[in-house]
């Protein structure tokens, strides 16, 4: 919902001098217009001051904080929130995380917008916003909505950069941003983020870090070593990804072949080679590249098996495709992209009932998956 639409859901009222909500009500400056959330029955000319509640005021203020960042009374409105609900920031932060986990994305985004308006300098809110957009992008990409996913990835990157630019810089911002760049095959920036994380935590004792902190340091170093050993932050490797992603597959494949001459055991490079070849419809060659990726260490990566299965389906090897997808599912049992492809494999093999079960499973994990919903509707019509 747009900001202007949301702002239409509030009144600005001026309270009479003798008006009080209750004996212990929040202190309100009656000279400043007060944003109040409309009730469902309210219209422009039937607002009843006697029915005004504290919740309406708090909801109205949160709407203003979220959608009207140029309001001249923001500091005053924040002071009302702080007085009336000292723990509201923590409560809303927990709610945003829960809504994101449950994929109630629109509500989570509104809560995060209100939180950023309430405390723009809180780095935890900035980082939670980055994580929100990161997860939303992943969800949309699993559902095949790649343009939307790219847009949310861009939002996520912007908030990661804002968090990393804070003073003092929070280590977790670099750790999470490292994985963000890693999923995009941007190994140069991923390595830089993980190195920054280690630099920021190098003087912290293990007992102060705790078990989770120790794990993060070990994981960061492990990824840095993998990038270094595979030379994956090489300019040629990075350029190959950009070229393939940008639709210049042939040029990207040329870069990769040169890279592989000097780094023949890097499974990520073989995977990217297969990805580029598959995009060109060269399924036989792509399958060979994905098989090589598995041999070189990609056998713990679900995407390797998933991509190989697509090549097998295109070549008519449906049993092989199914076997590769089941391997992928063992590694990533809740990956809806894999489950959806199992549905397509079942369709190719003429097993409509099994295909329907797979698409239904996708919707159980992600009710907003438009592709699975469309396939189910199509199958039910036939």
Protein backbone atom coordinates (compact mmCIF):
# COMPACT_ATOMS: atom_id res chain seq x y z
CA UNK A 1 0.00 0.00 0.00
CA UNK A 2 1.34 3.43 -0.90
CA UNK A 3 2.25 6.00 1.72
CA UNK A 4 -0.45 8.41 0.54
CA UNK A 5 -3.07 5.68 0.85
CA UNK A 6 -1.91 4.85 4.37
CA UNK A 7 -1.97 8.50 5.42
CA UNK A 8 -5.59 8.66 4.29
CA UNK A 9 -6.38 6.24 7.14
CA UNK A 10 -5.68 8.87 9.82
CA UNK A 11 -7.25 12.07 11.09
CA UNK A 12 -5.39 15.07 12.41
CA UNK A 13 -7.35 16.41 15.36
CA UNK A 14 -6.91 19.19 17.89
CA UNK A 15 -8.00 18.20 21.38
CA UNK A 16 -10.16 20.56 23.44
CA UNK A 17 -8.45 22.17 26.44
CA UNK A 18 -10.56 20.21 28.93
CA UNK A 19 -10.12 16.85 27.19
CA UNK A 20 -8.46 13.97 29.05
CA UNK A 21 -8.23 10.33 28.00
CA UNK A 22 -7.88 9.04 31.55
CA UNK A 23 -6.29 9.87 34.86
CA UNK A 24 -2.99 8.20 33.87
CA UNK A 25 -3.10 9.03 30.18
CA UNK A 26 -0.05 10.15 28.17
CA UNK A 27 0.82 13.83 28.22
CA UNK A 28 -0.39 15.54 25.05
CA UNK A 29 0.30 19.05 23.84
CA UNK A 30 -3.13 20.24 22.76
CA UNK A 31 -1.63 22.95 20.53
CA UNK A 32 -0.18 20.37 18.12
CA UNK A 33 -2.47 18.43 15.73
CA UNK A 34 -2.64 14.79 16.77
CA UNK A 35 -2.69 11.94 14.22
CA UNK A 36 -5.44 9.45 15.04
CA UNK A 37 -6.14 6.15 13.31
CA UNK A 38 -9.67 6.00 11.91
CA UNK A 39 -12.03 3.29 13.01
CA UNK A 40 -13.74 1.27 10.31
CA UNK A 41 -17.04 3.06 10.92
CA UNK A 42 -15.51 6.54 10.86
CA UNK A 43 -16.00 8.95 8.00
CA UNK A 44 -14.91 12.53 7.60
CA UNK A 45 -17.91 13.99 9.39
CA UNK A 46 -18.87 11.46 12.09
CA UNK A 47 -15.75 11.30 14.29
CA UNK A 48 -16.77 10.95 17.93
CA UNK A 49 -14.23 12.50 20.31
CA UNK A 50 -15.78 10.66 23.24
CA UNK A 51 -14.79 7.32 21.68
CA UNK A 52 -11.15 8.28 21.12
CA UNK A 53 -8.69 5.66 22.48
CA UNK A 54 -5.01 5.63 23.27
CA UNK A 55 -4.54 2.85 20.69
CA UNK A 56 -5.94 5.09 17.95
CA UNK A 57 -3.42 7.77 18.82
CA UNK A 58 -0.47 5.34 18.92
CA UNK A 59 -1.53 3.76 15.61
CA UNK A 60 -1.90 7.17 14.03
CA UNK A 61 1.53 8.25 15.22
CA UNK A 62 3.16 5.05 13.93
CA UNK A 63 1.55 5.64 10.54
CA UNK A 64 3.00 9.14 10.41
CA UNK A 65 6.42 7.89 11.49
CA UNK A 66 6.33 5.30 8.70
CA UNK A 67 4.97 7.38 5.83
CA UNK A 68 5.44 11.09 6.56
CA UNK A 69 9.15 11.60 7.23
CA UNK A 70 8.94 15.35 6.56
CA UNK A 71 6.34 16.02 9.25
CA UNK A 72 7.51 18.93 11.40
CA UNK A 73 6.24 17.31 14.62
CA UNK A 74 8.05 13.95 14.37
CA UNK A 75 10.17 14.48 17.50
CA UNK A 76 7.07 15.33 19.51
CA UNK A 77 5.23 12.28 18.21
CA UNK A 78 8.22 10.08 19.10
CA UNK A 79 8.17 11.48 22.63
CA UNK A 80 4.53 10.41 23.02
CA UNK A 81 5.41 6.86 21.97
CA UNK A 82 8.36 6.72 24.37
CA UNK A 83 6.24 7.93 27.27
CA UNK A 84 3.22 5.77 26.57
CA UNK A 85 4.97 2.54 25.50
CA UNK A 86 8.63 2.45 26.64
CA UNK A 87 9.06 -1.11 25.32
CA UNK A 88 7.21 -0.62 22.04
CA UNK A 89 10.38 -0.65 19.90
CA UNK A 90 11.36 -4.08 21.21
CA UNK A 91 7.81 -5.37 20.77
CA UNK A 92 7.57 -4.12 17.19
CA UNK A 93 11.03 -5.44 16.32
CA UNK A 94 10.04 -8.91 17.53
CA UNK A 95 6.77 -8.67 15.58
CA UNK A 96 8.60 -7.68 12.37
CA UNK A 97 10.96 -10.64 12.69
CA UNK A 98 8.04 -13.02 13.28
CA UNK A 99 6.05 -11.63 10.35
CA UNK A 100 9.09 -11.99 8.09
CA UNK A 101 9.57 -15.58 9.23
CA UNK A 102 5.91 -16.29 8.45
CA UNK A 103 6.26 -14.49 5.10
CA UNK A 104 3.69 -11.85 6.01
CA UNK A 105 5.87 -9.47 4.07
CA UNK A 106 3.58 -6.47 3.63
CA UNK A 107 2.84 -6.25 7.35
CA UNK A 108 6.50 -6.79 8.24
CA UNK A 109 7.54 -3.99 5.89
CA UNK A 110 5.02 -1.58 7.44
CA UNK A 111 6.28 -2.39 10.93
CA UNK A 112 9.89 -1.84 9.86
CA UNK A 113 9.00 1.46 8.23
CA UNK A 114 7.39 2.63 11.47
CA UNK A 115 10.44 1.49 13.43
CA UNK A 116 12.82 3.38 11.14
CA UNK A 117 10.66 6.47 11.57
CA UNK A 118 10.63 6.01 15.33
CA UNK A 119 14.40 5.57 15.67
CA UNK A 120 16.28 6.28 12.41
CA UNK A 121 19.68 5.87 14.08
CA UNK A 122 19.09 2.39 15.52
CA UNK A 123 21.51 0.12 13.61
CA UNK A 124 19.63 -3.02 14.67
CA UNK A 125 16.52 -1.74 12.87
CA UNK A 126 18.57 -0.93 9.77
CA UNK A 127 20.12 -4.41 9.78
CA UNK A 128 16.74 -6.09 10.35
CA UNK A 129 15.41 -4.16 7.37
CA UNK A 130 18.30 -5.43 5.21
CA UNK A 131 17.63 -9.00 6.35
CA UNK A 132 13.92 -8.55 5.63
CA UNK A 133 14.50 -7.48 2.02
CA UNK A 134 17.15 -10.19 1.62
CA UNK A 135 14.71 -12.91 2.71
CA UNK A 136 11.88 -11.43 0.68
CA UNK A 137 14.06 -11.48 -2.42
CA UNK A 138 14.90 -15.15 -1.82
CA UNK A 139 11.22 -16.00 -1.45
CA UNK A 140 10.25 -14.20 -4.64
CA UNK A 141 13.10 -15.81 -6.56
CA UNK A 142 11.99 -19.27 -5.40
CA UNK A 143 8.56 -18.42 -6.77
CA UNK A 144 10.04 -17.48 -10.15
CA UNK A 145 9.39 -13.73 -9.69
CA UNK A 146 12.93 -12.76 -10.64
CA UNK A 147 12.33 -9.09 -11.45
CA UNK A 148 10.72 -8.51 -8.06
CA UNK A 149 13.50 -10.48 -6.41
CA UNK A 150 16.15 -8.31 -8.08
CA UNK A 151 14.39 -5.17 -6.83
CA UNK A 152 14.29 -6.46 -3.25
CA UNK A 153 17.93 -7.52 -3.48
CA UNK A 154 18.78 -3.93 -4.44
CA UNK A 155 16.86 -2.69 -1.39
CA UNK A 156 18.65 -5.21 0.82
CA UNK A 157 22.07 -4.13 -0.45
CA UNK A 158 21.22 -0.50 0.26
CA UNK A 159 20.31 -1.22 3.88
CA UNK A 160 23.33 -3.51 4.39
CA UNK A 161 25.55 -0.64 3.24
CA UNK A 162 23.76 1.76 5.58
CA UNK A 163 24.31 -0.63 8.50
CA UNK A 164 27.98 -1.17 7.64
CA UNK A 165 28.49 2.61 7.42
CA UNK A 166 27.31 3.16 11.00
CA UNK A 167 29.78 4.38 13.61
CA UNK A 168 30.79 2.20 15.31
CA UNK A 169 30.26 -0.45 12.61
CA UNK A 170 28.32 -3.51 13.86
CA UNK A 171 30.12 -6.81 13.12
CA UNK A 172 26.88 -8.68 12.33
CA UNK A 173 26.13 -6.27 9.49
CA UNK A 174 29.31 -7.43 7.74
CA UNK A 175 28.67 -11.09 8.52
CA UNK A 176 25.15 -11.04 7.06
CA UNK A 177 26.18 -8.87 4.11
CA UNK A 178 28.89 -11.41 3.37
CA UNK A 179 26.27 -14.10 2.82
CA UNK A 180 24.17 -11.68 0.78
CA UNK A 181 27.06 -11.15 -1.65
CA UNK A 182 27.93 -14.84 -1.55
CA UNK A 183 24.49 -15.86 -2.85
CA UNK A 184 24.97 -13.38 -5.70
CA UNK A 185 28.35 -14.91 -6.59
CA UNK A 186 29.99 -11.57 -5.79
CA UNK A 187 32.98 -13.18 -4.10
CA UNK A 188 35.07 -10.02 -4.02
CA UNK A 189 32.58 -8.14 -1.83
CA UNK A 190 31.73 -11.29 0.13
CA UNK A 191 35.36 -11.78 1.05
CA UNK A 192 35.70 -8.12 2.03
CA UNK A 193 32.67 -8.34 4.33
CA UNK A 194 33.89 -11.50 6.07
CA UNK A 195 37.38 -10.03 6.50
CA UNK A 196 35.84 -6.91 8.05
CA UNK A 197 33.79 -9.10 10.39
CA UNK A 198 36.93 -10.90 11.56
CA UNK A 199 38.79 -7.61 11.99
CA UNK A 200 35.97 -6.20 14.14
CA UNK A 201 35.83 -9.29 16.35
CA UNK A 202 39.51 -10.23 16.52
CA UNK A 203 40.03 -8.67 19.96
CA UNK A 204 36.87 -10.14 21.48
CA UNK A 205 37.52 -13.08 23.79
CA UNK A 206 35.84 -16.39 23.01
CA UNK A 207 33.95 -16.39 26.31
CA UNK A 208 32.50 -12.99 25.40
CA UNK A 209 31.61 -14.09 21.89
CA UNK A 210 29.74 -17.17 23.03
CA UNK A 211 29.15 -20.33 21.04
CA UNK A 212 27.34 -18.55 18.21
CA UNK A 213 30.04 -15.89 17.91
CA UNK A 214 32.80 -18.50 17.77
CA UNK A 215 30.89 -20.33 15.04
CA UNK A 216 30.55 -17.12 13.04
CA UNK A 217 34.30 -16.43 13.21
CA UNK A 218 35.12 -19.97 12.10
CA UNK A 219 32.54 -19.85 9.31
CA UNK A 220 33.79 -16.47 8.07
CA UNK A 221 37.38 -17.72 7.94
CA UNK A 222 36.27 -20.92 6.21
CA UNK A 223 34.52 -18.93 3.46
CA UNK A 224 37.49 -16.58 3.05
CA UNK A 225 39.79 -19.59 2.63
CA UNK A 226 37.46 -21.13 0.07
CA UNK A 227 37.33 -17.90 -1.94
CA UNK A 228 41.10 -17.50 -1.77
CA UNK A 229 41.91 -21.13 -2.59
CA UNK A 230 39.51 -21.10 -5.51
CA UNK A 231 40.65 -17.66 -6.66
CA UNK A 232 36.94 -16.81 -6.87
CA UNK A 233 37.42 -13.12 -6.25
CA UNK A 234 39.40 -13.01 -9.49
CA UNK A 235 38.26 -10.17 -11.78
CA UNK A 236 37.67 -12.59 -14.66
CA UNK A 237 35.39 -14.81 -12.55
CA UNK A 238 33.43 -11.79 -11.32
CA UNK A 239 33.08 -10.41 -14.85
CA UNK A 240 31.87 -13.78 -16.16
CA UNK A 241 28.97 -13.75 -13.71
CA UNK A 242 27.98 -10.21 -14.64
CA UNK A 243 28.11 -11.01 -18.35
CA UNK A 244 25.99 -14.17 -18.05
CA UNK A 245 23.49 -12.50 -15.74
CA UNK A 246 23.27 -9.57 -18.15
CA UNK A 247 22.42 -11.80 -21.12
CA UNK A 248 25.89 -11.87 -22.71
CA UNK A 249 26.36 -15.59 -22.16
CA UNK A 250 28.93 -16.23 -24.89
CA UNK A 251 31.27 -13.55 -23.58
CA UNK A 252 30.80 -14.81 -20.04
CA UNK A 253 31.59 -18.37 -21.09
CA UNK A 254 34.80 -17.19 -22.75
CA UNK A 255 35.89 -15.57 -19.47
CA UNK A 256 35.06 -18.74 -17.55
CA UNK A 257 36.99 -21.02 -19.86
CA UNK A 258 40.12 -18.91 -19.43
CA UNK A 259 39.58 -18.90 -15.66
CA UNK A 260 39.15 -22.70 -15.60
CA UNK A 261 42.41 -23.22 -17.47
CA UNK A 262 44.20 -21.84 -14.42
CA UNK A 263 41.67 -22.99 -11.77
CA UNK A 264 40.34 -26.36 -12.99
CA UNK A 265 39.11 -27.60 -9.59
CA UNK A 266 36.80 -24.72 -8.63
CA UNK A 267 33.31 -26.23 -8.57
CA UNK A 268 31.65 -22.80 -8.55
CA UNK A 269 33.25 -22.01 -11.90
CA UNK A 270 32.03 -25.27 -13.43
CA UNK A 271 28.57 -24.52 -12.00
CA UNK A 272 28.57 -21.07 -13.58
CA UNK A 273 29.73 -22.55 -16.87
CA UNK A 274 26.80 -24.98 -16.76
CA UNK A 275 24.43 -22.15 -15.88
CA UNK A 276 25.54 -20.12 -18.90
CA UNK A 277 25.32 -23.11 -21.23
CA UNK A 278 21.84 -23.99 -19.96
CA UNK A 279 20.67 -20.44 -20.61
CA UNK A 280 21.81 -20.90 -24.21
CA UNK A 281 19.86 -24.18 -24.50
CA UNK A 282 23.03 -26.29 -24.78
CA UNK A 283 21.76 -28.89 -22.34
CA UNK A 284 24.23 -31.68 -23.13
CA UNK A 285 27.24 -29.44 -22.55
CA UNK A 286 25.58 -27.85 -19.52
CA UNK A 287 24.96 -31.27 -17.94
CA UNK A 288 28.64 -32.11 -18.37
CA UNK A 289 29.65 -28.88 -16.62
CA UNK A 290 27.27 -29.52 -13.71
CA UNK A 291 28.59 -33.10 -13.36
CA UNK A 292 32.11 -31.67 -13.23
CA UNK A 293 30.95 -29.22 -10.54
CA UNK A 294 29.69 -32.15 -8.47
CA UNK A 295 33.02 -33.95 -8.85
CA UNK A 296 34.94 -30.86 -7.70
CA UNK A 297 33.05 -30.34 -4.46
CA UNK A 298 29.62 -29.10 -5.43
CA UNK A 299 27.97 -32.30 -4.27
CA UNK A 300 26.85 -30.59 -1.07
CA UNK A 301 25.09 -27.84 -3.02
CA UNK A 302 21.42 -28.41 -3.85
CA UNK A 303 21.52 -26.04 -6.82
CA UNK A 304 24.04 -28.25 -8.62
CA UNK A 305 21.67 -31.20 -8.56
CA UNK A 306 18.68 -29.00 -9.38
CA UNK A 307 20.37 -27.45 -12.42
CA UNK A 308 21.55 -30.86 -13.61
CA UNK A 309 17.98 -32.16 -13.30
CA UNK A 310 16.71 -29.37 -15.58
CA UNK A 311 19.22 -30.40 -18.23
CA UNK A 312 18.15 -34.03 -17.89
CA UNK A 313 14.49 -33.09 -18.32
CA UNK A 314 15.28 -31.08 -21.43
CA UNK A 315 17.12 -34.11 -22.83
CA UNK A 316 14.20 -36.43 -22.01
CA UNK A 317 16.02 -38.28 -19.21
CA UNK A 318 13.19 -37.98 -16.72
CA UNK A 319 14.27 -40.76 -14.37
CA UNK A 320 17.70 -39.17 -14.03
CA UNK A 321 16.11 -35.78 -13.49
CA UNK A 322 13.98 -37.17 -10.66
CA UNK A 323 17.00 -38.86 -9.04
CA UNK A 324 19.00 -35.61 -9.09
CA UNK A 325 16.06 -33.67 -7.66
CA UNK A 326 15.66 -36.13 -4.81
CA UNK A 327 19.36 -35.66 -4.04
CA UNK A 328 18.83 -31.91 -4.03
CA UNK A 329 15.83 -32.31 -1.73
CA UNK A 330 17.93 -34.26 0.78
CA UNK A 331 20.24 -31.23 1.01
CA UNK A 332 17.49 -28.58 1.01
CA UNK A 333 14.21 -30.25 2.07
CA UNK A 334 12.18 -27.02 2.15
CA UNK A 335 13.41 -25.54 -1.13
CA UNK A 336 10.21 -24.87 -3.08
CA UNK A 337 12.09 -24.50 -6.37
CA UNK A 338 13.25 -28.11 -6.08
CA UNK A 339 9.82 -29.37 -5.01
CA UNK A 340 8.22 -27.53 -7.91
CA UNK A 341 10.68 -29.11 -10.35
CA UNK A 342 9.79 -32.53 -8.93
CA UNK A 343 6.22 -31.65 -9.90
CA UNK A 344 7.31 -30.85 -13.46
CA UNK A 345 9.34 -34.08 -13.62
CA UNK A 346 6.27 -36.03 -12.52
CA UNK A 347 4.23 -34.33 -15.26
CA UNK A 348 6.87 -35.24 -17.86
CA UNK A 349 6.56 -38.86 -16.68
CA UNK A 350 2.76 -38.75 -16.97
CA UNK A 351 2.10 -38.93 -13.22
CA UNK A 352 -0.40 -36.12 -12.76
CA UNK A 353 -1.49 -37.11 -9.25
CA UNK A 354 2.09 -36.99 -7.94
CA UNK A 355 2.70 -33.70 -9.72
CA UNK A 356 -0.34 -32.21 -7.98
CA UNK A 357 0.97 -33.36 -4.60
CA UNK A 358 4.31 -31.67 -5.22
CA UNK A 359 2.67 -28.39 -6.27
CA UNK A 360 0.38 -28.56 -3.23
CA UNK A 361 3.45 -29.06 -1.05
CA UNK A 362 5.02 -25.96 -2.57
CA UNK A 363 1.94 -23.94 -1.58
CA UNK A 364 2.09 -25.32 1.95
CA UNK A 365 5.59 -23.87 2.27
CA UNK A 366 4.81 -20.73 0.29
CA UNK A 367 1.09 -19.89 -0.20
CA UNK A 368 2.11 -16.99 -2.47
CA UNK A 369 3.92 -19.17 -5.03
CA UNK A 370 2.12 -18.11 -8.21
CA UNK A 371 3.70 -20.73 -10.46
CA UNK A 372 2.62 -23.69 -8.31
CA UNK A 373 -0.87 -22.20 -7.91
CA UNK A 374 -1.16 -21.70 -11.68
CA UNK A 375 -0.06 -25.31 -12.40
CA UNK A 376 -2.57 -26.70 -9.90
CA UNK A 377 -5.39 -24.69 -11.44
CA UNK A 378 -4.38 -25.85 -14.91
CA UNK A 379 -4.26 -29.50 -13.85
CA UNK A 380 -7.63 -29.26 -12.14
CA UNK A 381 -9.20 -27.87 -15.33
CA UNK A 382 -7.83 -30.69 -17.50
